[in-house]
Amino acid sequence: MPNRWIPYVKALVHLVCLLPAMKLVELYQSGALGLMADPVNYITHFTGYWALYLLMVSLAVTPVRRLHPRLANLVRFRRLLGLYAFFYATLHLATYLFLFSGYDLPTVVAGLRAGHAGVVVDEWKAVWPAIFDDLKKRRFIQVGLVAWFLLFVLAITSPALVMRRMGGTTWRRVHWGVYVAAIAGVVHYWWLVKKGVQAPMPFTLVLAALLLARVVWTAMKRKRGAVAAPRSSVVAGG
């Protein structure tokens, strides 16, 4: 991909990644969301789906760019896609915290407009015991929270300035956590759905293929290094 195309392609990627959020806004403004049987459940699954989808796409960038030298510039979109995955994962978590948990948003908004900022904490104190109880009882929430936390760490360490401060080696080790986050996200999905539902299977197969591609690439790289080492010794020895 020519470098001159990068800004235009990035603008297109931004637009495509924002389309799901724009759809949610449109559904809310049109009233269609309120007519659904369970709007909160719809938002929860919608945001979770897009978080996983974009995470898989971001992971696919590296193996795809290795297919041909002309695809090398795709690496410039990996961080962008990962940040959008974190964005939708955060919306997914926020849906649980502020909608599913019983957090009274209308009361909070009304309190803030009246100048009572303490209502934010009061409502949080009211729902926190139920959230904590859920966290202890439901393993899919536990593993989902682990996935979100890992994505949070990756997001705050993604800027180039942070990478330079951390050092390339440490930064790469930290960002290997993206695979753990992806595994945790898929497990979260499996544990969330009812027994017999196969909706998480496509994500599982894609992730398995991406992990296999990583293993194969690492093995090939080590093999090439092992072959190159004896040759270098022979050349050095004359």
Protein backbone atom coordinates (compact mmCIF):
# COMPACT_ATOMS: atom_id res chain seq x y z
CA MET A 1 0.00 0.00 0.00
CA PRO A 2 1.53 3.36 -0.99
CA ASN A 3 2.23 5.67 1.95
CA ARG A 4 0.17 8.44 0.38
CA TRP A 5 -2.94 6.28 0.77
CA ILE A 6 -2.51 5.84 4.54
CA PRO A 7 -4.37 9.01 5.71
CA TYR A 8 -7.37 8.24 3.48
CA VAL A 9 -7.51 4.59 4.48
CA LYS A 10 -7.24 5.58 8.16
CA ALA A 11 -10.17 7.95 7.73
CA LEU A 12 -12.16 5.09 6.19
CA VAL A 13 -11.21 2.73 9.04
CA HIS A 14 -12.34 5.34 11.57
CA LEU A 15 -15.68 5.64 9.80
CA VAL A 16 -16.24 1.88 9.55
CA CYS A 17 -15.32 1.35 13.21
CA LEU A 18 -17.70 4.10 14.33
CA LEU A 19 -20.64 2.77 12.32
CA PRO A 20 -21.81 0.35 15.07
CA ALA A 21 -21.83 3.16 17.66
CA MET A 22 -23.66 5.40 15.21
CA LYS A 23 -26.23 2.64 14.69
CA LEU A 24 -26.88 2.48 18.45
CA VAL A 25 -27.35 6.25 18.57
CA GLU A 26 -29.73 6.09 15.60
CA LEU A 27 -31.74 3.28 17.20
CA TYR A 28 -32.04 5.32 20.40
CA GLN A 29 -33.01 8.56 18.66
CA SER A 30 -35.57 6.86 16.44
CA GLY A 31 -37.19 5.09 19.39
CA ALA A 32 -36.56 1.68 17.85
CA LEU A 33 -34.31 0.68 20.74
CA GLY A 34 -37.05 1.35 23.28
CA LEU A 35 -39.48 -0.85 21.34
CA MET A 36 -37.23 -3.90 21.61
CA ALA A 37 -38.18 -6.66 24.05
CA ASP A 38 -34.92 -6.17 25.98
CA PRO A 39 -32.97 -3.05 24.92
CA VAL A 40 -30.26 -3.49 27.57
CA ASN A 41 -29.62 -7.08 26.49
CA TYR A 42 -29.40 -5.92 22.87
CA ILE A 43 -26.83 -3.23 23.71
CA THR A 44 -24.84 -5.68 25.83
CA HIS A 45 -24.54 -8.28 23.07
CA PHE A 46 -24.09 -5.70 20.32
CA THR A 47 -21.15 -3.95 22.00
CA GLY A 48 -19.58 -7.23 23.11
CA TYR A 49 -19.79 -8.62 19.59
CA TRP A 50 -18.07 -5.61 18.07
CA ALA A 51 -15.40 -5.59 20.76
CA LEU A 52 -14.49 -9.19 19.92
CA TYR A 53 -14.81 -8.68 16.17
CA LEU A 54 -12.47 -5.68 16.10
CA LEU A 55 -10.06 -7.42 18.44
CA MET A 56 -9.84 -10.36 16.03
CA VAL A 57 -9.32 -8.02 13.09
CA SER A 58 -6.52 -6.23 14.92
CA LEU A 59 -4.84 -9.57 15.67
CA ALA A 60 -5.18 -10.58 12.03
CA VAL A 61 -3.17 -7.57 10.84
CA THR A 62 0.22 -9.08 11.67
CA PRO A 63 -0.19 -12.45 9.88
CA VAL A 64 -1.86 -10.79 6.88
CA ARG A 65 0.91 -8.21 6.45
CA ARG A 66 3.45 -11.04 6.30
CA LEU A 67 1.82 -12.50 3.21
CA HIS A 68 3.34 -9.89 0.90
CA PRO A 69 5.80 -6.99 1.27
CA ARG A 70 3.21 -4.60 -0.19
CA LEU A 71 0.97 -5.28 2.81
CA ALA A 72 3.59 -4.18 5.34
CA ASN A 73 1.86 -0.82 5.91
CA LEU A 74 -1.15 -2.61 7.40
CA VAL A 75 0.71 -2.53 10.71
CA ARG A 76 -0.22 1.15 10.93
CA PHE A 77 -3.84 0.16 11.47
CA ARG A 78 -3.28 -2.45 14.18
CA ARG A 79 -3.23 -0.02 17.11
CA LEU A 80 -6.23 1.88 15.75
CA LEU A 81 -8.30 -1.30 15.50
CA GLY A 82 -7.20 -2.39 18.96
CA LEU A 83 -8.27 0.93 20.47
CA TYR A 84 -11.70 0.62 18.88
CA ALA A 85 -11.96 -2.91 20.31
CA PHE A 86 -11.26 -1.39 23.73
CA PHE A 87 -13.83 1.34 23.05
CA TYR A 88 -16.59 -1.20 22.42
CA ALA A 89 -15.42 -3.37 25.31
CA THR A 90 -15.75 -0.30 27.55
CA LEU A 91 -19.26 0.35 26.24
CA HIS A 92 -20.01 -3.31 26.93
CA LEU A 93 -18.81 -2.98 30.53
CA ALA A 94 -20.56 0.38 30.99
CA THR A 95 -23.83 -1.17 29.82
CA TYR A 96 -23.59 -3.68 32.65
CA LEU A 97 -22.51 -1.13 35.27
CA PHE A 98 -24.97 1.64 34.44
CA LEU A 99 -27.93 -0.11 32.82
CA PHE A 100 -28.10 -3.78 33.69
CA SER A 101 -27.07 -3.30 37.34
CA GLY A 102 -30.01 -1.05 38.14
CA TYR A 103 -27.97 2.14 38.35
CA ASP A 104 -30.63 4.88 38.11
CA LEU A 105 -29.28 7.12 35.35
CA PRO A 106 -32.40 9.36 35.12
CA THR A 107 -32.12 10.09 38.85
CA VAL A 108 -28.41 10.84 38.50
CA VAL A 109 -28.97 13.16 35.53
CA ALA A 110 -31.76 14.97 37.38
CA GLY A 111 -29.57 15.28 40.48
CA LEU A 112 -26.65 16.68 38.50
CA ARG A 113 -28.90 19.23 36.84
CA ALA A 114 -30.11 20.28 40.27
CA GLY A 115 -26.53 20.68 41.45
CA HIS A 116 -26.40 17.56 43.62
CA ALA A 117 -23.19 15.86 42.48
CA GLY A 118 -23.33 13.43 45.39
CA VAL A 119 -26.14 11.54 43.70
CA VAL A 120 -23.54 9.88 41.46
CA VAL A 121 -21.87 8.24 44.47
CA ASP A 122 -25.18 7.54 46.21
CA GLU A 123 -26.49 5.54 43.25
CA TRP A 124 -23.20 3.71 42.93
CA LYS A 125 -23.32 2.72 46.61
CA ALA A 126 -26.86 1.42 46.09
CA VAL A 127 -25.93 -0.95 43.23
CA TRP A 128 -22.40 -1.92 44.27
CA PRO A 129 -23.45 -4.80 46.62
CA ALA A 130 -25.40 -6.46 43.79
CA ILE A 131 -22.53 -5.96 41.34
CA PHE A 132 -20.02 -7.42 43.81
CA ASP A 133 -22.32 -10.37 44.44
CA ASP A 134 -22.61 -10.95 40.69
CA LEU A 135 -18.84 -10.79 40.37
CA LYS A 136 -18.39 -13.47 43.02
CA LYS A 137 -21.05 -15.81 41.61
CA ARG A 138 -20.74 -15.48 37.83
CA ARG A 139 -17.48 -16.65 36.31
CA PHE A 140 -18.27 -15.14 32.90
CA ILE A 141 -18.23 -11.70 34.54
CA GLN A 142 -14.90 -12.48 36.20
CA VAL A 143 -13.16 -13.52 32.99
CA GLY A 144 -14.82 -10.68 31.08
CA LEU A 145 -13.44 -8.19 33.58
CA VAL A 146 -9.98 -9.72 33.15
CA ALA A 147 -10.26 -9.26 29.37
CA TRP A 148 -11.32 -5.62 29.78
CA PHE A 149 -8.51 -4.87 32.23
CA LEU A 150 -5.91 -6.30 29.84
CA LEU A 151 -7.30 -4.21 26.99
CA PHE A 152 -7.18 -1.18 29.29
CA VAL A 153 -3.49 -1.80 30.00
CA LEU A 154 -2.80 -2.18 26.27
CA ALA A 155 -4.73 1.00 25.48
CA ILE A 156 -2.87 3.21 27.96
CA THR A 157 0.50 1.81 26.85
CA SER A 158 -0.23 2.09 23.12
CA PRO A 159 1.04 5.67 22.46
CA ALA A 160 4.52 5.92 20.92
CA LEU A 161 5.71 8.08 23.83
CA VAL A 162 4.82 5.35 26.34
CA MET A 163 6.49 2.72 24.16
CA ARG A 164 9.72 4.72 24.12
CA ARG A 165 9.60 5.17 27.90
CA MET A 166 9.00 1.45 28.47
CA GLY A 167 11.55 0.28 25.96
CA GLY A 168 10.77 -1.88 22.95
CA THR A 169 11.39 -5.25 24.62
CA THR A 170 9.23 -4.54 27.68
CA TRP A 171 6.53 -2.97 25.55
CA ARG A 172 6.33 -6.02 23.29
CA ARG A 173 6.12 -8.34 26.29
CA VAL A 174 3.25 -6.33 27.74
CA HIS A 175 1.42 -6.29 24.41
CA TRP A 176 1.61 -10.06 24.14
CA GLY A 177 -1.23 -9.75 26.62
CA VAL A 178 -3.55 -9.02 23.71
CA TYR A 179 -3.71 -12.75 23.03
CA VAL A 180 -4.64 -13.44 26.65
CA ALA A 181 -7.31 -10.74 26.40
CA ALA A 182 -8.68 -12.33 23.23
CA ILE A 183 -8.78 -15.79 24.84
CA ALA A 184 -10.49 -14.35 27.92
CA GLY A 185 -12.99 -12.55 25.69
CA VAL A 186 -13.90 -15.72 23.82
CA VAL A 187 -14.19 -17.70 27.07
CA HIS A 188 -16.40 -14.89 28.44
CA TYR A 189 -18.68 -15.32 25.42
CA TRP A 190 -18.87 -19.12 25.79
CA TRP A 191 -19.68 -18.92 29.49
CA LEU A 192 -22.27 -16.22 28.86
CA VAL A 193 -24.42 -18.06 26.32
CA LYS A 194 -26.69 -20.99 27.13
CA LYS A 195 -25.54 -24.55 26.67
CA GLY A 196 -25.82 -25.63 23.04
CA VAL A 197 -25.60 -22.11 21.59
CA GLN A 198 -22.77 -22.01 19.06
CA ALA A 199 -22.59 -18.24 18.47
CA PRO A 200 -19.05 -17.96 19.91
CA MET A 201 -17.71 -20.67 17.60
CA PRO A 202 -16.67 -18.36 14.70
CA PHE A 203 -14.61 -16.23 17.10
CA THR A 204 -13.09 -19.38 18.59
CA LEU A 205 -12.03 -20.73 15.20
CA VAL A 206 -10.60 -17.40 14.06
CA LEU A 207 -8.64 -17.00 17.29
CA ALA A 208 -7.33 -20.56 17.05
CA ALA A 209 -6.14 -19.88 13.49
CA LEU A 210 -4.44 -16.65 14.56
CA LEU A 211 -2.69 -18.35 17.47
CA LEU A 212 -1.57 -21.18 15.18
CA ALA A 213 -0.23 -18.66 12.67
CA ARG A 214 1.76 -17.00 15.46
CA VAL A 215 3.21 -20.35 16.59
CA VAL A 216 4.12 -21.37 13.02
CA TRP A 217 5.75 -18.02 12.30
CA THR A 218 7.81 -18.17 15.52
CA ALA A 219 8.94 -21.72 14.72
CA MET A 220 9.93 -20.76 11.17
CA LYS A 221 11.83 -17.73 12.44
CA ARG A 222 13.77 -19.82 14.94
CA LYS A 223 14.52 -22.42 12.29
CA ARG A 224 15.89 -19.78 9.91
CA GLY A 225 18.00 -18.38 12.77
CA ALA A 226 19.36 -21.84 13.58
CA VAL A 227 20.27 -22.44 9.92
CA ALA A 228 21.87 -19.00 9.55
CA ALA A 229 24.07 -19.43 12.65
CA PRO A 230 26.17 -22.39 11.35
CA ARG A 231 26.59 -20.67 7.98
CA SER A 232 27.87 -17.53 9.70
CA SER A 233 30.34 -19.67 11.68
CA VAL A 234 31.61 -21.31 8.49
CA VAL A 235 32.08 -17.94 6.77
CA ALA A 236 33.82 -16.48 9.82
CA GLY A 237 36.10 -19.49 10.05
CA GLY A 238 37.06 -19.19 6.39
